[in-house]
Amino acid sequence: MNSINGFEIPLHRSLTEPILMGGAPRTVAIINGTLAAALGLGLQLWFAGAIVWIIGHGAAVYAARKDPAFMEVLVRHVRHKGALTC
């Protein structure tokens, strides 16, 4: 690879990889955990809260394995959905 002297910098992996919590994107994991805690603690539906957390986190991990930036893609899709109809 040809490089020009003086135009190279070291780049850490943490600047290019998505932030994941337990394999799921951070925002999705926080929202999912908050919803599960609200069900489990607030409404005292312990079993329902655990099921929501397990299914939600599992789905987020599966989607993150397929595409780590799936949340950004989903937000962009929802925002431009009406503009792309034929």
PDB file of N, CA and C in Angstrom:
ATOM      1  N   MET A   1       0.837  -1.174   0.000  1.00  0.00           N
ATOM      2  CA  MET A   1       0.000   0.000   0.000  1.00  0.00           C
ATOM      3  C   MET A   1       0.882   1.237   0.000  1.00  0.00           C
ATOM      4  N   ASN A   2       0.631   2.125  -0.896  1.00  0.00           N
ATOM      5  CA  ASN A   2       1.402   3.362  -0.983  1.00  0.00           C
ATOM      6  C   ASN A   2       0.866   4.358   0.031  1.00  0.00           C
ATOM      7  N   SER A   3       1.775   4.939   0.767  1.00  0.00           N
ATOM      8  CA  SER A   3       1.370   5.959   1.728  1.00  0.00           C
ATOM      9  C   SER A   3       2.286   7.162   1.575  1.00  0.00           C
ATOM     10  N   ILE A   4       1.697   8.300   1.797  1.00  0.00           N
ATOM     11  CA  ILE A   4       2.457   9.540   1.713  1.00  0.00           C
ATOM     12  C   ILE A   4       2.988   9.856   3.104  1.00  0.00           C
ATOM     13  N   ASN A   5       4.258  10.152   3.185  1.00  0.00           N
ATOM     14  CA  ASN A   5       4.893  10.419   4.452  1.00  0.00           C
ATOM     15  C   ASN A   5       4.240  11.635   5.112  1.00  0.00           C
ATOM     16  N   GLY A   6       3.857  11.481   6.378  1.00  0.00           N
ATOM     17  CA  GLY A   6       3.248  12.582   7.112  1.00  0.00           C
ATOM     18  C   GLY A   6       1.730  12.560   7.096  1.00  0.00           C
ATOM     19  N   PHE A   7       1.114  11.667   6.327  1.00  0.00           N
ATOM     20  CA  PHE A   7      -0.339  11.597   6.236  1.00  0.00           C
ATOM     21  C   PHE A   7      -0.868  10.290   6.817  1.00  0.00           C
ATOM     22  N   GLU A   8      -0.228   9.770   7.824  1.00  0.00           N
ATOM     23  CA  GLU A   8      -0.663   8.563   8.492  1.00  0.00           C
ATOM     24  C   GLU A   8      -0.828   8.853   9.976  1.00  0.00           C
ATOM     25  N   ILE A   9      -1.884   8.309  10.551  1.00  0.00           N
ATOM     26  CA  ILE A   9      -2.076   8.419  11.989  1.00  0.00           C
ATOM     27  C   ILE A   9      -2.544   7.062  12.506  1.00  0.00           C
ATOM     28  N   PRO A  10      -2.197   6.725  13.739  1.00  0.00           N
ATOM     29  CA  PRO A  10      -2.712   5.479  14.311  1.00  0.00           C
ATOM     30  C   PRO A  10      -4.193   5.659  14.662  1.00  0.00           C
ATOM     31  N   LEU A  11      -4.982   4.629  14.410  1.00  0.00           N
ATOM     32  CA  LEU A  11      -6.419   4.690  14.668  1.00  0.00           C
ATOM     33  C   LEU A  11      -6.796   3.522  15.573  1.00  0.00           C
ATOM     34  N   HIS A  12      -7.361   3.828  16.705  1.00  0.00           N
ATOM     35  CA  HIS A  12      -7.756   2.783  17.649  1.00  0.00           C
ATOM     36  C   HIS A  12      -9.037   2.103  17.170  1.00  0.00           C
ATOM     37  N   ARG A  13      -9.157   0.806  17.468  1.00  0.00           N
ATOM     38  CA  ARG A  13     -10.348   0.043  17.087  1.00  0.00           C
ATOM     39  C   ARG A  13     -11.607   0.612  17.724  1.00  0.00           C
ATOM     40  N   SER A  14     -11.491   1.166  18.916  1.00  0.00           N
ATOM     41  CA  SER A  14     -12.660   1.673  19.634  1.00  0.00           C
ATOM     42  C   SER A  14     -13.318   2.846  18.910  1.00  0.00           C
ATOM     43  N   LEU A  15     -12.607   3.506  18.026  1.00  0.00           N
ATOM     44  CA  LEU A  15     -13.190   4.616  17.276  1.00  0.00           C
ATOM     45  C   LEU A  15     -14.012   4.152  16.081  1.00  0.00           C
ATOM     46  N   THR A  16     -13.825   2.920  15.663  1.00  0.00           N
ATOM     47  CA  THR A  16     -14.519   2.439  14.472  1.00  0.00           C
ATOM     48  C   THR A  16     -15.566   1.378  14.766  1.00  0.00           C
ATOM     49  N   GLU A  17     -15.541   0.761  15.941  1.00  0.00           N
ATOM     50  CA  GLU A  17     -16.492  -0.291  16.273  1.00  0.00           C
ATOM     51  C   GLU A  17     -17.673   0.278  17.046  1.00  0.00           C
ATOM     52  N   PRO A  18     -18.855  -0.307  16.872  1.00  0.00           N
ATOM     53  CA  PRO A  18     -20.027   0.185  17.618  1.00  0.00           C
ATOM     54  C   PRO A  18     -19.921  -0.153  19.105  1.00  0.00           C
ATOM     55  N   ILE A  19     -20.612   0.628  19.933  1.00  0.00           N
ATOM     56  CA  ILE A  19     -20.615   0.394  21.370  1.00  0.00           C
ATOM     57  C   ILE A  19     -21.708  -0.622  21.675  1.00  0.00           C
ATOM     58  N   LEU A  20     -21.308  -1.790  22.177  1.00  0.00           N
ATOM     59  CA  LEU A  20     -22.255  -2.862  22.455  1.00  0.00           C
ATOM     60  C   LEU A  20     -22.278  -3.158  23.947  1.00  0.00           C
ATOM     61  N   MET A  21     -23.452  -3.540  24.449  1.00  0.00           N
ATOM     62  CA  MET A  21     -23.605  -4.008  25.827  1.00  0.00           C
ATOM     63  C   MET A  21     -24.182  -5.411  25.759  1.00  0.00           C
ATOM     64  N   GLY A  22     -23.369  -6.383  26.086  1.00  0.00           N
ATOM     65  CA  GLY A  22     -23.831  -7.762  26.028  1.00  0.00           C
ATOM     66  C   GLY A  22     -24.138  -8.210  24.620  1.00  0.00           C
ATOM     67  N   GLY A  23     -23.493  -7.623  23.636  1.00  0.00           N
ATOM     68  CA  GLY A  23     -23.696  -7.999  22.246  1.00  0.00           C
ATOM     69  C   GLY A  23     -24.766  -7.198  21.532  1.00  0.00           C
ATOM     70  N   ALA A  24     -25.520  -6.375  22.252  1.00  0.00           N
ATOM     71  CA  ALA A  24     -26.574  -5.554  21.657  1.00  0.00           C
ATOM     72  C   ALA A  24     -26.116  -4.093  21.656  1.00  0.00           C
ATOM     73  N   PRO A  25     -26.611  -3.284  20.715  1.00  0.00           N
ATOM     74  CA  PRO A  25     -26.263  -1.860  20.746  1.00  0.00           C
ATOM     75  C   PRO A  25     -26.659  -1.232  22.086  1.00  0.00           C
ATOM     76  N   ARG A  26     -25.837  -0.312  22.543  1.00  0.00           N
ATOM     77  CA  ARG A  26     -26.005   0.262  23.873  1.00  0.00           C
ATOM     78  C   ARG A  26     -27.390   0.864  24.088  1.00  0.00           C
ATOM     79  N   THR A  27     -27.880   1.661  23.157  1.00  0.00           N
ATOM     80  CA  THR A  27     -29.179   2.307  23.344  1.00  0.00           C
ATOM     81  C   THR A  27     -30.311   1.284  23.406  1.00  0.00           C
ATOM     82  N   VAL A  28     -30.231   0.261  22.574  1.00  0.00           N
ATOM     83  CA  VAL A  28     -31.267  -0.773  22.576  1.00  0.00           C
ATOM     84  C   VAL A  28     -31.237  -1.544  23.887  1.00  0.00           C
ATOM     85  N   ALA A  29     -30.047  -1.864  24.384  1.00  0.00           N
ATOM     86  CA  ALA A  29     -29.932  -2.598  25.643  1.00  0.00           C
ATOM     87  C   ALA A  29     -30.477  -1.783  26.810  1.00  0.00           C
ATOM     88  N   ILE A  30     -30.218  -0.490  26.821  1.00  0.00           N
ATOM     89  CA  ILE A  30     -30.711   0.367  27.907  1.00  0.00           C
ATOM     90  C   ILE A  30     -32.229   0.495  27.845  1.00  0.00           C
ATOM     91  N   ILE A  31     -32.781   0.725  26.664  1.00  0.00           N
ATOM     92  CA  ILE A  31     -34.231   0.845  26.524  1.00  0.00           C
ATOM     93  C   ILE A  31     -34.913  -0.473  26.870  1.00  0.00           C
ATOM     94  N   ASN A  32     -34.372  -1.574  26.391  1.00  0.00           N
ATOM     95  CA  ASN A  32     -34.943  -2.888  26.669  1.00  0.00           C
ATOM     96  C   ASN A  32     -34.881  -3.201  28.164  1.00  0.00           C
ATOM     97  N   GLY A  33     -33.775  -2.916  28.799  1.00  0.00           N
ATOM     98  CA  GLY A  33     -33.651  -3.158  30.237  1.00  0.00           C
ATOM     99  C   GLY A  33     -34.581  -2.284  31.054  1.00  0.00           C
ATOM    100  N   THR A  34     -34.754  -1.037  30.630  1.00  0.00           N
ATOM    101  CA  THR A  34     -35.674  -0.137  31.327  1.00  0.00           C
ATOM    102  C   THR A  34     -37.109  -0.618  31.214  1.00  0.00           C
ATOM    103  N   LEU A  35     -37.504  -1.042  30.027  1.00  0.00           N
ATOM    104  CA  LEU A  35     -38.862  -1.564  29.830  1.00  0.00           C
ATOM    105  C   LEU A  35     -39.086  -2.825  30.660  1.00  0.00           C
ATOM    106  N   ALA A  36     -38.109  -3.724  30.655  1.00  0.00           N
ATOM    107  CA  ALA A  36     -38.227  -4.958  31.436  1.00  0.00           C
ATOM    108  C   ALA A  36     -38.279  -4.654  32.932  1.00  0.00           C
ATOM    109  N   ALA A  37     -37.481  -3.694  33.392  1.00  0.00           N
ATOM    110  CA  ALA A  37     -37.497  -3.322  34.808  1.00  0.00           C
ATOM    111  C   ALA A  37     -38.819  -2.658  35.180  1.00  0.00           C
ATOM    112  N   ALA A  38     -39.378  -1.858  34.286  1.00  0.00           N
ATOM    113  CA  ALA A  38     -40.676  -1.234  34.561  1.00  0.00           C
ATOM    114  C   ALA A  38     -41.763  -2.291  34.705  1.00  0.00           C
ATOM    115  N   LEU A  39     -41.718  -3.302  33.860  1.00  0.00           N
ATOM    116  CA  LEU A  39     -42.692  -4.389  33.983  1.00  0.00           C
ATOM    117  C   LEU A  39     -42.460  -5.198  35.254  1.00  0.00           C
ATOM    118  N   GLY A  40     -41.204  -5.552  35.484  1.00  0.00           N
ATOM    119  CA  GLY A  40     -40.882  -6.427  36.609  1.00  0.00           C
ATOM    120  C   GLY A  40     -41.010  -5.748  37.959  1.00  0.00           C
ATOM    121  N   LEU A  41     -40.501  -4.537  38.072  1.00  0.00           N
ATOM    122  CA  LEU A  41     -40.514  -3.854  39.362  1.00  0.00           C
ATOM    123  C   LEU A  41     -41.739  -2.962  39.538  1.00  0.00           C
ATOM    124  N   GLY A  42     -42.049  -2.171  38.525  1.00  0.00           N
ATOM    125  CA  GLY A  42     -43.150  -1.218  38.641  1.00  0.00           C
ATOM    126  C   GLY A  42     -44.514  -1.874  38.659  1.00  0.00           C
ATOM    127  N   LEU A  43     -44.758  -2.771  37.741  1.00  0.00           N
ATOM    128  CA  LEU A  43     -46.061  -3.436  37.662  1.00  0.00           C
ATOM    129  C   LEU A  43     -46.075  -4.771  38.395  1.00  0.00           C
ATOM    130  N   GLN A  44     -44.937  -5.172  38.939  1.00  0.00           N
ATOM    131  CA  GLN A  44     -44.772  -6.431  39.656  1.00  0.00           C
ATOM    132  C   GLN A  44     -45.157  -7.641  38.806  1.00  0.00           C
ATOM    133  N   LEU A  45     -44.844  -7.554  37.540  1.00  0.00           N
ATOM    134  CA  LEU A  45     -45.029  -8.675  36.615  1.00  0.00           C
ATOM    135  C   LEU A  45     -43.647  -9.241  36.325  1.00  0.00           C
ATOM    136  N   TRP A  46     -43.094  -9.969  37.293  1.00  0.00           N
ATOM    137  CA  TRP A  46     -41.714 -10.438  37.225  1.00  0.00           C
ATOM    138  C   TRP A  46     -41.480 -11.325  36.010  1.00  0.00           C
ATOM    139  N   PHE A  47     -42.371 -12.257  35.804  1.00  0.00           N
ATOM    140  CA  PHE A  47     -42.192 -13.200  34.701  1.00  0.00           C
ATOM    141  C   PHE A  47     -42.272 -12.484  33.351  1.00  0.00           C
ATOM    142  N   ALA A  48     -43.229 -11.590  33.187  1.00  0.00           N
ATOM    143  CA  ALA A  48     -43.375 -10.840  31.933  1.00  0.00           C
ATOM    144  C   ALA A  48     -42.146  -9.961  31.681  1.00  0.00           C
ATOM    145  N   GLY A  49     -41.622  -9.340  32.732  1.00  0.00           N
ATOM    146  CA  GLY A  49     -40.422  -8.513  32.583  1.00  0.00           C
ATOM    147  C   GLY A  49     -39.218  -9.326  32.143  1.00  0.00           C
ATOM    148  N   ALA A  50     -39.071 -10.525  32.719  1.00  0.00           N
ATOM    149  CA  ALA A  50     -37.953 -11.391  32.331  1.00  0.00           C
ATOM    150  C   ALA A  50     -38.099 -11.866  30.891  1.00  0.00           C
ATOM    151  N   ILE A  51     -39.319 -12.207  30.485  1.00  0.00           N
ATOM    152  CA  ILE A  51     -39.561 -12.652  29.110  1.00  0.00           C
ATOM    153  C   ILE A  51     -39.284 -11.525  28.120  1.00  0.00           C
ATOM    154  N   VAL A  52     -39.760 -10.312  28.432  1.00  0.00           N
ATOM    155  CA  VAL A  52     -39.509  -9.161  27.547  1.00  0.00           C
ATOM    156  C   VAL A  52     -38.017  -8.911  27.423  1.00  0.00           C
ATOM    157  N   TRP A  53     -37.281  -8.996  28.530  1.00  0.00           N
ATOM    158  CA  TRP A  53     -35.847  -8.750  28.479  1.00  0.00           C
ATOM    159  C   TRP A  53     -35.124  -9.822  27.666  1.00  0.00           C
ATOM    160  N   ILE A  54     -35.458 -11.085  27.890  1.00  0.00           N
ATOM    161  CA  ILE A  54     -34.780 -12.175  27.182  1.00  0.00           C
ATOM    162  C   ILE A  54     -35.053 -12.106  25.686  1.00  0.00           C
ATOM    163  N   ILE A  55     -36.301 -11.932  25.307  1.00  0.00           N
ATOM    164  CA  ILE A  55     -36.653 -11.889  23.882  1.00  0.00           C
ATOM    165  C   ILE A  55     -36.099 -10.626  23.229  1.00  0.00           C
ATOM    166  N   GLY A  56     -36.247  -9.483  23.896  1.00  0.00           N
ATOM    167  CA  GLY A  56     -35.751  -8.219  23.331  1.00  0.00           C
ATOM    168  C   GLY A  56     -34.245  -8.195  23.174  1.00  0.00           C
ATOM    169  N   HIS A  57     -33.545  -8.650  24.191  1.00  0.00           N
ATOM    170  CA  HIS A  57     -32.088  -8.647  24.121  1.00  0.00           C
ATOM    171  C   HIS A  57     -31.592  -9.668  23.096  1.00  0.00           C
ATOM    172  N   GLY A  58     -32.248 -10.822  23.063  1.00  0.00           N
ATOM    173  CA  GLY A  58     -31.870 -11.826  22.070  1.00  0.00           C
ATOM    174  C   GLY A  58     -32.063 -11.331  20.647  1.00  0.00           C
ATOM    175  N   ALA A  59     -33.175 -10.651  20.405  1.00  0.00           N
ATOM    176  CA  ALA A  59     -33.423 -10.100  19.066  1.00  0.00           C
ATOM    177  C   ALA A  59     -32.408  -9.018  18.716  1.00  0.00           C
ATOM    178  N   ALA A  60     -32.048  -8.182  19.688  1.00  0.00           N
ATOM    179  CA  ALA A  60     -31.067  -7.128  19.437  1.00  0.00           C
ATOM    180  C   ALA A  60     -29.682  -7.712  19.168  1.00  0.00           C
ATOM    181  N   VAL A  61     -29.308  -8.759  19.888  1.00  0.00           N
ATOM    182  CA  VAL A  61     -28.012  -9.403  19.656  1.00  0.00           C
ATOM    183  C   VAL A  61     -27.991 -10.049  18.276  1.00  0.00           C
ATOM    184  N   TYR A  62     -29.083 -10.705  17.903  1.00  0.00           N
ATOM    185  CA  TYR A  62     -29.169 -11.328  16.579  1.00  0.00           C
ATOM    186  C   TYR A  62     -29.033 -10.273  15.478  1.00  0.00           C
ATOM    187  N   ALA A  63     -29.756  -9.160  15.625  1.00  0.00           N
ATOM    188  CA  ALA A  63     -29.687  -8.101  14.621  1.00  0.00           C
ATOM    189  C   ALA A  63     -28.296  -7.462  14.581  1.00  0.00           C
ATOM    190  N   ALA A  64     -27.653  -7.307  15.738  1.00  0.00           N
ATOM    191  CA  ALA A  64     -26.313  -6.707  15.775  1.00  0.00           C
ATOM    192  C   ALA A  64     -25.276  -7.626  15.148  1.00  0.00           C
ATOM    193  N   ARG A  65     -25.486  -8.939  15.228  1.00  0.00           N
ATOM    194  CA  ARG A  65     -24.555  -9.859  14.561  1.00  0.00           C
ATOM    195  C   ARG A  65     -24.667  -9.733  13.054  1.00  0.00           C
ATOM    196  N   LYS A  66     -25.883  -9.534  12.560  1.00  0.00           N
ATOM    197  CA  LYS A  66     -26.080  -9.383  11.117  1.00  0.00           C
ATOM    198  C   LYS A  66     -25.545  -8.038  10.625  1.00  0.00           C
ATOM    199  N   ASP A  67     -25.842  -6.967  11.364  1.00  0.00           N
ATOM    200  CA  ASP A  67     -25.388  -5.624  10.995  1.00  0.00           C
ATOM    201  C   ASP A  67     -25.232  -4.807  12.275  1.00  0.00           C
ATOM    202  N   PRO A  68     -23.995  -4.514  12.702  1.00  0.00           N
ATOM    203  CA  PRO A  68     -23.799  -3.778  13.951  1.00  0.00           C
ATOM    204  C   PRO A  68     -24.423  -2.384  13.960  1.00  0.00           C
ATOM    205  N   ALA A  69     -24.688  -1.812  12.816  1.00  0.00           N
ATOM    206  CA  ALA A  69     -25.286  -0.475  12.738  1.00  0.00           C
ATOM    207  C   ALA A  69     -26.769  -0.548  12.396  1.00  0.00           C
ATOM    208  N   PHE A  70     -27.454  -1.616  12.818  1.00  0.00           N
ATOM    209  CA  PHE A  70     -28.848  -1.782  12.414  1.00  0.00           C
ATOM    210  C   PHE A  70     -29.751  -0.704  12.997  1.00  0.00           C
ATOM    211  N   MET A  71     -29.430  -0.153  14.154  1.00  0.00           N
ATOM    212  CA  MET A  71     -30.280   0.894  14.731  1.00  0.00           C
ATOM    213  C   MET A  71     -30.219   2.169  13.900  1.00  0.00           C
ATOM    214  N   GLU A  72     -29.036   2.548  13.445  1.00  0.00           N
ATOM    215  CA  GLU A  72     -28.922   3.735  12.606  1.00  0.00           C
ATOM    216  C   GLU A  72     -29.661   3.538  11.293  1.00  0.00           C
ATOM    217  N   VAL A  73     -29.568   2.331  10.745  1.00  0.00           N
ATOM    218  CA  VAL A  73     -30.274   2.022   9.501  1.00  0.00           C
ATOM    219  C   VAL A  73     -31.782   2.056   9.726  1.00  0.00           C
ATOM    220  N   LEU A  74     -32.256   1.507  10.839  1.00  0.00           N
ATOM    221  CA  LEU A  74     -33.675   1.495  11.154  1.00  0.00           C
ATOM    222  C   LEU A  74     -34.210   2.913  11.347  1.00  0.00           C
ATOM    223  N   VAL A  75     -33.475   3.748  12.061  1.00  0.00           N
ATOM    224  CA  VAL A  75     -33.899   5.141  12.264  1.00  0.00           C
ATOM    225  C   VAL A  75     -33.956   5.874  10.936  1.00  0.00           C
ATOM    226  N   ARG A  76     -32.966   5.661  10.079  1.00  0.00           N
ATOM    227  CA  ARG A  76     -32.961   6.304   8.765  1.00  0.00           C
ATOM    228  C   ARG A  76     -34.120   5.809   7.916  1.00  0.00           C
ATOM    229  N   HIS A  77     -34.435   4.520   8.001  1.00  0.00           N
ATOM    230  CA  HIS A  77     -35.541   3.949   7.246  1.00  0.00           C
ATOM    231  C   HIS A  77     -36.876   4.550   7.693  1.00  0.00           C
ATOM    232  N   VAL A  78     -37.070   4.661   8.991  1.00  0.00           N
ATOM    233  CA  VAL A  78     -38.326   5.217   9.509  1.00  0.00           C
ATOM    234  C   VAL A  78     -38.450   6.689   9.128  1.00  0.00           C
ATOM    235  N   ARG A  79     -37.353   7.412   9.167  1.00  0.00           N
ATOM    236  CA  ARG A  79     -37.385   8.841   8.865  1.00  0.00           C
ATOM    237  C   ARG A  79     -37.703   9.108   7.386  1.00  0.00           C
ATOM    238  N   HIS A  80     -37.201   8.283   6.475  1.00  0.00           N
ATOM    239  CA  HIS A  80     -37.367   8.512   5.041  1.00  0.00           C
ATOM    240  C   HIS A  80     -38.394   7.602   4.398  1.00  0.00           C
ATOM    241  N   LYS A  81     -39.192   6.920   5.176  1.00  0.00           N
ATOM    242  CA  LYS A  81     -40.106   5.925   4.644  1.00  0.00           C
ATOM    243  C   LYS A  81     -41.109   6.526   3.646  1.00  0.00           C
ATOM    244  N   GLY A  82     -41.722   7.650   3.961  1.00  0.00           N
ATOM    245  CA  GLY A  82     -42.705   8.264   3.083  1.00  0.00           C
ATOM    246  C   GLY A  82     -42.096   8.849   1.820  1.00  0.00           C
ATOM    247  N   ALA A  83     -40.841   9.256   1.891  1.00  0.00           N
ATOM    248  CA  ALA A  83     -40.208   9.883   0.742  1.00  0.00           C
ATOM    249  C   ALA A  83     -39.817   8.856  -0.330  1.00  0.00           C
ATOM    250  N   LEU A  84     -39.714   7.586   0.050  1.00  0.00           N
ATOM    251  CA  LEU A  84     -39.239   6.583  -0.896  1.00  0.00           C
ATOM    252  C   LEU A  84     -40.345   5.746  -1.513  1.00  0.00           C
ATOM    253  N   THR A  85     -41.607   6.086  -1.256  1.00  0.00           N
ATOM    254  CA  THR A  85     -42.697   5.312  -1.844  1.00  0.00           C
ATOM    255  C   THR A  85     -42.856   5.680  -3.312  1.00  0.00           C
ATOM    256  N   CYS A  86     -43.275   4.696  -4.109  1.00  0.00           N
ATOM    257  CA  CYS A  86     -43.451   4.934  -5.534  1.00  0.00           C
ATOM    258  C   CYS A  86     -44.897   5.261  -5.864  1.00  0.00           C
TER     259      CYS A  86
END
